[in-house]
Amino acid sequence: MKTNGTWYHTENGSRFQQYKTRECKNCLVRPQCTSSKRNGKIVQRRLYAESIEANKQRIKENPQMYRQRQAIVEHPYGTIKRQWGFCHILSKKGIKRASSDVGLMMLAYNLRRIINIVGIEAFREYLTSIFLSIWGKLMHFKPIMDILKIVFPEHNPESRFFKRLGMGYIYVEN
């Protein structure tokens, strides 16, 4: 069987090629193979058919690994899809936007999972320690202090707002 090399598109967007042969016209068992009187047998082969067949073969050779993958990897997708109601991508204008949507869903899933495992208080303490360590480094830069005075005029670094966060005022030399 041969193809003319043209890729055709289905309604759902998948791509395939058609394979035909002239041998069907003289074949004795043609009625058992096809009902087409004009063209003979036409086989459609999808773009990723080889990958799909290779995956089926791997599953057949090692079904235990496939079951383990289902247990580990498929659970987050099931939770996001069925329990959270994200059955489709919200921004369907390109792979970048769709990737952003999926990234936000996965971030939310992972944060929720962390909170369920370690608890909200431990997670809050962890975030506070990270914030304070970054904040301490930023407070040594005069431009950051100047921006903070502009952005938070009511909370100047000498105020209770910053002292309550445990940062106090750090003098910056010019």
Protein backbone atom coordinates (compact mmCIF):
# COMPACT_ATOMS: atom_id res chain seq x y z
CA MET A 1 0.00 0.00 0.00
CA LYS A 2 1.20 3.51 -0.82
CA THR A 3 0.29 7.02 0.24
CA ASN A 4 0.28 10.22 -1.78
CA GLY A 5 1.95 11.95 1.21
CA THR A 6 -0.99 14.26 2.00
CA TRP A 7 -1.96 14.72 5.63
CA TYR A 8 -5.71 14.95 6.14
CA HIS A 9 -7.45 16.44 9.19
CA THR A 10 -10.42 15.06 11.10
CA GLU A 11 -13.08 17.25 12.72
CA ASN A 12 -11.41 16.89 16.12
CA GLY A 13 -8.04 18.04 14.75
CA SER A 14 -6.13 14.76 14.51
CA ARG A 15 -4.07 14.12 11.38
CA PHE A 16 -3.86 11.01 9.22
CA GLN A 17 -2.63 9.72 5.89
CA GLN A 18 -4.50 7.40 3.54
CA TYR A 19 -2.87 4.31 2.08
CA LYS A 20 -4.20 2.65 -1.11
CA THR A 21 -3.12 -0.01 -3.57
CA ARG A 22 -4.04 -0.85 -7.14
CA GLU A 23 -3.81 -4.55 -6.33
CA CYS A 24 -7.36 -4.52 -4.93
CA LYS A 25 -8.87 -4.36 -8.45
CA ASN A 26 -7.64 -7.88 -9.33
CA CYS A 27 -7.88 -9.44 -5.86
CA LEU A 28 -9.97 -12.61 -5.53
CA VAL A 29 -10.91 -11.97 -1.88
CA ARG A 30 -11.76 -8.28 -2.36
CA PRO A 31 -15.42 -8.70 -1.27
CA GLN A 32 -14.19 -10.04 2.10
CA CYS A 33 -11.85 -7.08 2.59
CA THR A 34 -13.86 -4.08 1.37
CA SER A 35 -17.27 -3.13 0.05
CA SER A 36 -15.91 -0.22 -1.99
CA LYS A 37 -16.46 -0.83 -5.67
CA ARG A 38 -14.46 2.15 -6.92
CA ASN A 39 -11.26 2.51 -4.87
CA GLY A 40 -10.68 -0.75 -3.14
CA LYS A 41 -9.31 -0.93 0.38
CA ILE A 42 -8.22 2.41 1.95
CA VAL A 43 -6.32 2.36 5.25
CA GLN A 44 -6.02 5.49 7.36
CA ARG A 45 -2.96 5.83 9.57
CA ARG A 46 -2.88 8.56 12.23
CA LEU A 47 0.16 10.73 12.84
CA TYR A 48 1.02 9.19 16.22
CA ALA A 49 -0.04 5.61 15.43
CA GLU A 50 3.48 4.23 15.94
CA SER A 51 3.79 5.86 19.37
CA ILE A 52 0.37 4.59 20.40
CA GLU A 53 1.24 1.05 19.31
CA ALA A 54 4.61 1.21 21.12
CA ASN A 55 2.80 2.34 24.29
CA LYS A 56 0.28 -0.52 24.00
CA GLN A 57 3.20 -2.93 23.66
CA ARG A 58 4.91 -1.54 26.78
CA ILE A 59 1.65 -1.87 28.73
CA LYS A 60 1.24 -5.45 27.53
CA GLU A 61 4.82 -6.34 28.50
CA ASN A 62 4.69 -4.75 31.95
CA PRO A 63 1.11 -4.31 33.22
CA GLN A 64 2.26 -3.83 36.85
CA MET A 65 4.20 -0.69 35.93
CA TYR A 66 1.16 0.69 34.13
CA ARG A 67 -1.02 0.08 37.20
CA GLN A 68 1.57 1.85 39.37
CA ARG A 69 1.60 4.81 36.97
CA GLN A 70 -2.19 4.98 37.13
CA ALA A 71 -2.07 5.07 40.91
CA ILE A 72 0.60 7.78 41.10
CA VAL A 73 0.16 10.02 38.07
CA GLU A 74 -3.50 9.80 37.14
CA HIS A 75 -4.86 10.67 40.59
CA PRO A 76 -4.07 14.42 40.44
CA TYR A 77 -5.69 14.70 37.02
CA GLY A 78 -8.79 12.90 38.25
CA THR A 79 -9.03 15.17 41.30
CA ILE A 80 -8.58 18.33 39.25
CA LYS A 81 -11.03 17.20 36.61
CA ARG A 82 -13.82 15.61 38.60
CA GLN A 83 -13.68 17.13 42.09
CA TRP A 84 -12.57 20.64 41.10
CA GLY A 85 -14.55 20.79 37.86
CA PHE A 86 -11.71 21.66 35.46
CA CYS A 87 -12.84 19.46 32.57
CA HIS A 88 -11.40 21.72 29.89
CA ILE A 89 -8.77 24.41 29.45
CA LEU A 90 -10.18 27.90 29.96
CA SER A 91 -7.93 29.81 27.55
CA LYS A 92 -7.84 27.87 24.31
CA LYS A 93 -5.76 30.35 22.36
CA GLY A 94 -2.43 28.61 22.02
CA ILE A 95 -0.20 26.19 23.85
CA LYS A 96 1.36 28.93 26.03
CA ARG A 97 -1.98 30.00 27.48
CA ALA A 98 -3.20 26.45 27.90
CA SER A 99 0.10 25.61 29.59
CA SER A 100 -0.42 28.55 31.96
CA ASP A 101 -3.87 27.27 32.90
CA VAL A 102 -2.57 23.78 33.58
CA GLY A 103 0.38 25.21 35.53
CA LEU A 104 -1.95 27.16 37.82
CA MET A 105 -4.12 24.08 38.37
CA MET A 106 -1.07 21.97 39.26
CA LEU A 107 0.27 24.70 41.56
CA ALA A 108 -3.06 24.84 43.40
CA TYR A 109 -3.14 21.03 43.64
CA ASN A 110 0.40 20.87 45.01
CA LEU A 111 -0.18 23.65 47.56
CA ARG A 112 -3.36 21.97 48.75
CA ARG A 113 -1.55 18.65 49.03
CA ILE A 114 1.31 20.20 51.05
CA ILE A 115 -1.18 21.83 53.42
CA ASN A 116 -3.04 18.52 53.84
CA ILE A 117 0.21 16.69 54.63
CA VAL A 118 2.06 19.12 56.92
CA GLY A 119 -0.87 21.23 58.14
CA ILE A 120 -1.70 24.88 57.62
CA GLU A 121 0.29 26.15 60.62
CA ALA A 122 3.53 24.41 59.61
CA PHE A 123 3.09 25.65 56.04
CA ARG A 124 2.44 29.20 57.26
CA GLU A 125 5.58 29.10 59.45
CA TYR A 126 7.62 27.84 56.50
CA LEU A 127 6.38 30.64 54.22
CA THR A 128 7.04 33.22 56.94
CA SER A 129 10.63 31.99 57.40
CA ILE A 130 11.24 32.20 53.64
CA PHE A 131 9.70 35.67 53.49
CA LEU A 132 11.78 36.90 56.41
CA SER A 133 15.05 35.53 54.99
CA ILE A 134 14.41 37.19 51.61
CA TRP A 135 13.18 40.37 53.27
CA GLY A 136 16.29 40.60 55.41
CA LYS A 137 18.48 40.49 52.31
CA LEU A 138 16.36 43.05 50.45
CA MET A 139 16.38 45.52 53.34
CA HIS A 140 20.12 46.03 52.86
CA PHE A 141 19.58 47.71 49.51
CA LYS A 142 18.81 51.41 49.63
CA PRO A 143 16.71 51.38 46.42
CA ILE A 144 14.38 48.81 48.03
CA MET A 145 13.99 51.00 51.11
CA ASP A 146 13.20 54.02 48.93
CA ILE A 147 10.55 52.06 47.03
CA LEU A 148 8.99 50.83 50.27
CA LYS A 149 8.72 54.41 51.55
CA ILE A 150 6.89 55.36 48.34
CA VAL A 151 4.65 52.29 48.17
CA PHE A 152 3.84 52.24 51.90
CA PRO A 153 4.00 55.87 53.02
CA GLU A 154 1.76 55.07 56.00
CA HIS A 155 4.10 52.21 56.96
CA ASN A 156 7.50 53.71 57.02
CA PRO A 157 10.26 51.32 58.06
CA GLU A 158 10.38 52.84 61.56
CA SER A 159 6.71 52.03 62.18
CA ARG A 160 5.07 49.18 64.08
CA PHE A 161 4.11 47.52 60.76
CA PHE A 162 7.69 46.53 60.01
CA LYS A 163 8.65 45.88 63.63
CA ARG A 164 5.63 43.57 64.00
CA LEU A 165 7.00 41.51 61.10
CA GLY A 166 10.23 41.21 63.08
CA MET A 167 12.30 43.29 60.71
CA GLY A 168 12.76 46.53 62.52
CA TYR A 169 14.57 49.36 60.82
CA ILE A 170 17.86 48.67 59.11
CA TYR A 171 20.05 51.69 58.57
CA VAL A 172 21.45 51.91 55.08
CA GLU A 173 24.51 53.99 54.46
CA ASN A 174 24.74 56.03 51.27
